Amino acid sequence: MKKITLLLALLVSCTIGISQSLTTQQLARKFDGALSLYFYKNTLRMLNQSESKEFDDLIKDIEKMKFVMIDKADKLDGKAYKALTNEYKKESFEPVMTSRHQGRNFDIFVKDKKGSPLGTVVLVNDSTSLIVLDIIGTMDITKAYTLFNTIDNSTDIGNRIKNFVDKDKKKNKD
């Protein structure tokens, strides 16, 4: 009996040790209409339809990623965005890069603290939505656009994103 209890405790602690950021979890709960998807290493590999070695190299150190898309019409303004970035900083994520690509702002945060799992958070912000890529593991942050574009251009995921956006546009017309 003690062995089973010990095994269960070990499994739970391993699961807790590689969970997504608390800030991302709270954000997804706060905006319950948000589109949330999980990607694991094998799922990310399946997105690589062109079998690009560069993309395989990009995702090789990613264990798990949570994708959250929020419609900014759900009261996510500049002040709320600033508060969100401060919450990531409180979790020991450090801002390492801010840039603009194809009309979107990219803010990238990295957690590389002893005793904590490595993590990367990519915030993709435009005039209509906020997309969070909460990554357990590491990646070449200079290629965050490549990861985002591959996910965005994936037929299945792209359709889900388009349906999510269209649903909100339809809701706003009513």
Protein backbone atom coordinates (compact mmCIF):
# COMPACT_ATOMS: atom_id res chain seq x y z
CA MET A 1 0.00 0.00 0.00
CA LYS A 2 2.85 2.39 0.84
CA LYS A 3 4.41 1.73 -2.57
CA ILE A 4 1.17 2.63 -4.36
CA THR A 5 0.79 5.83 -2.32
CA LEU A 6 4.41 6.76 -3.00
CA LEU A 7 3.97 6.06 -6.72
CA LEU A 8 0.82 8.19 -6.90
CA ALA A 9 2.53 11.03 -5.03
CA LEU A 10 5.47 10.85 -7.43
CA LEU A 11 3.19 10.92 -10.48
CA VAL A 12 1.24 13.91 -9.15
CA SER A 13 4.42 15.83 -8.33
CA CYS A 14 5.81 15.12 -11.82
CA THR A 15 2.58 16.37 -13.37
CA ILE A 16 2.58 19.49 -11.22
CA GLY A 17 6.24 20.13 -12.01
CA ILE A 18 5.56 20.49 -15.72
CA SER A 19 2.32 22.44 -15.65
CA GLN A 20 1.71 25.59 -17.60
CA SER A 21 2.17 29.01 -16.07
CA LEU A 22 -0.35 29.93 -13.39
CA THR A 23 -0.93 33.25 -15.16
CA THR A 24 -1.89 31.46 -18.40
CA GLN A 25 -4.20 29.12 -16.51
CA GLN A 26 -5.94 32.04 -14.80
CA LEU A 27 -6.20 33.94 -18.08
CA ALA A 28 -7.90 30.99 -19.82
CA ARG A 29 -10.36 30.69 -16.91
CA LYS A 30 -11.07 34.43 -16.80
CA PHE A 31 -11.98 34.50 -20.49
CA ASP A 32 -14.06 31.33 -20.62
CA GLY A 33 -14.94 31.95 -24.27
CA ALA A 34 -11.24 31.77 -25.16
CA LEU A 35 -9.99 29.15 -27.58
CA SER A 36 -7.57 26.87 -25.68
CA LEU A 37 -5.56 24.09 -27.28
CA TYR A 38 -2.70 21.91 -26.04
CA PHE A 39 0.17 20.77 -28.20
CA TYR A 40 2.64 18.09 -27.24
CA LYS A 41 5.89 17.30 -29.02
CA ASN A 42 4.23 14.77 -31.36
CA THR A 43 1.34 17.13 -32.13
CA LEU A 44 3.80 19.86 -33.07
CA ARG A 45 5.66 17.44 -35.32
CA MET A 46 2.40 16.67 -37.13
CA LEU A 47 2.04 20.37 -37.96
CA ASN A 48 5.26 20.14 -39.94
CA GLN A 49 3.53 19.06 -43.16
CA SER A 50 6.43 20.28 -45.29
CA GLU A 51 8.85 18.17 -43.22
CA SER A 52 11.06 21.18 -42.63
CA LYS A 53 14.25 20.32 -40.74
CA GLU A 54 14.34 23.91 -39.48
CA PHE A 55 10.91 23.52 -37.86
CA ASP A 56 11.89 20.15 -36.32
CA ASP A 57 14.98 21.81 -34.83
CA LEU A 58 12.82 24.67 -33.51
CA ILE A 59 10.45 22.38 -31.59
CA LYS A 60 12.94 19.73 -30.45
CA ASP A 61 13.17 21.11 -26.87
CA ILE A 62 9.45 21.86 -26.44
CA GLU A 63 7.72 19.38 -24.14
CA LYS A 64 4.26 20.91 -24.12
CA MET A 65 2.57 24.10 -25.27
CA LYS A 66 -0.74 25.70 -24.42
CA PHE A 67 -2.30 27.92 -27.08
CA VAL A 68 -4.86 30.44 -25.84
CA MET A 69 -6.67 32.89 -28.13
CA ILE A 70 -8.74 35.70 -26.63
CA ASP A 71 -10.96 38.15 -28.45
CA LYS A 72 -9.99 41.63 -27.27
CA ALA A 73 -13.64 42.68 -27.39
CA ASP A 74 -13.95 40.67 -24.15
CA LYS A 75 -12.53 43.65 -22.23
CA LEU A 76 -8.85 43.04 -22.83
CA ASP A 77 -7.47 46.55 -23.23
CA GLY A 78 -3.99 48.02 -22.90
CA LYS A 79 -4.26 48.30 -19.13
CA ALA A 80 -5.29 44.64 -18.80
CA TYR A 81 -2.43 43.64 -21.12
CA LYS A 82 0.10 45.51 -18.98
CA ALA A 83 -1.29 43.78 -15.87
CA LEU A 84 -0.93 40.43 -17.65
CA THR A 85 2.74 41.03 -18.46
CA ASN A 86 3.33 42.02 -14.82
CA GLU A 87 1.77 38.73 -13.68
CA TYR A 88 4.22 36.79 -15.84
CA LYS A 89 7.08 38.78 -14.32
CA LYS A 90 5.83 37.87 -10.82
CA GLU A 91 6.16 34.22 -11.86
CA SER A 92 9.86 34.80 -12.59
CA PHE A 93 9.42 35.16 -16.35
CA GLU A 94 11.81 37.73 -17.74
CA PRO A 95 10.98 39.83 -20.79
CA VAL A 96 13.66 39.06 -23.38
CA MET A 97 12.31 40.34 -26.67
CA THR A 98 9.65 42.64 -28.06
CA SER A 99 9.11 42.94 -31.78
CA ARG A 100 6.58 43.47 -34.52
CA HIS A 101 5.89 41.04 -37.37
CA GLN A 102 3.13 41.21 -40.01
CA GLY A 103 1.00 43.66 -38.03
CA ARG A 104 1.31 41.78 -34.75
CA ASN A 105 3.28 42.62 -31.64
CA PHE A 106 5.32 39.79 -30.14
CA ASP A 107 6.40 39.93 -26.48
CA ILE A 108 8.54 37.00 -25.38
CA PHE A 109 9.22 36.01 -21.78
CA VAL A 110 11.59 33.30 -20.55
CA LYS A 111 11.81 31.50 -17.21
CA ASP A 112 15.20 30.00 -16.54
CA LYS A 113 15.28 29.79 -12.77
CA LYS A 114 17.10 27.04 -10.87
CA GLY A 115 14.66 24.46 -9.57
CA SER A 116 11.92 25.45 -12.02
CA PRO A 117 11.13 23.90 -15.37
CA LEU A 118 12.32 25.98 -18.30
CA GLY A 119 9.52 27.94 -19.87
CA THR A 120 8.80 30.43 -22.61
CA VAL A 121 5.71 32.59 -23.05
CA VAL A 122 5.03 34.26 -26.38
CA LEU A 123 2.30 36.91 -26.39
CA VAL A 124 1.04 37.68 -29.89
CA ASN A 125 -1.03 40.84 -29.76
CA ASP A 126 -2.92 42.61 -32.55
CA SER A 127 -5.91 44.93 -32.76
CA THR A 128 -8.51 42.16 -32.42
CA SER A 129 -6.98 39.33 -30.39
CA LEU A 130 -4.34 38.16 -27.97
CA ILE A 131 -2.71 34.80 -28.52
CA VAL A 132 -0.62 33.18 -25.79
CA LEU A 133 1.85 30.41 -26.53
CA ASP A 134 2.82 29.06 -23.10
CA ILE A 135 5.69 26.65 -23.69
CA ILE A 136 7.26 24.17 -21.32
CA GLY A 137 10.78 23.83 -22.59
CA THR A 138 12.93 26.08 -24.71
CA MET A 139 13.15 27.30 -28.25
CA ASP A 140 15.14 29.75 -30.33
CA ILE A 141 13.17 32.89 -29.47
CA THR A 142 14.32 34.63 -32.62
CA LYS A 143 12.18 32.10 -34.49
CA ALA A 144 8.98 32.59 -32.49
CA TYR A 145 7.37 33.92 -35.69
CA THR A 146 8.09 30.63 -37.45
CA LEU A 147 6.37 28.65 -34.70
CA PHE A 148 3.40 31.01 -34.62
CA ASN A 149 3.04 31.11 -38.43
CA THR A 150 3.18 27.31 -38.67
CA ILE A 151 0.41 26.99 -36.11
CA ASP A 152 -1.58 29.82 -37.69
CA ASN A 153 -1.24 28.35 -41.19
CA SER A 154 -2.06 24.77 -40.18
CA THR A 155 -5.27 23.82 -41.96
CA ASP A 156 -7.01 22.23 -38.97
CA ILE A 157 -5.91 24.78 -36.39
CA GLY A 158 -6.32 27.66 -38.80
CA ASN A 159 -9.93 26.59 -39.39
CA ARG A 160 -10.57 26.46 -35.64
CA ILE A 161 -9.09 29.94 -35.25
CA LYS A 162 -11.13 31.25 -38.20
CA ASN A 163 -14.31 29.71 -36.73
CA PHE A 164 -13.51 31.28 -33.36
CA VAL A 165 -13.03 34.72 -34.92
CA ASP A 166 -16.11 34.37 -37.16
CA LYS A 167 -18.20 33.28 -34.16
CA ASP A 168 -17.25 36.48 -32.36
CA LYS A 169 -17.95 38.64 -35.41
CA LYS A 170 -21.38 37.04 -35.73
CA LYS A 171 -22.02 37.53 -32.00
CA ASN A 172 -21.11 41.24 -32.31
CA LYS A 173 -23.60 41.72 -35.19
CA ASP A 174 -26.48 40.38 -33.08
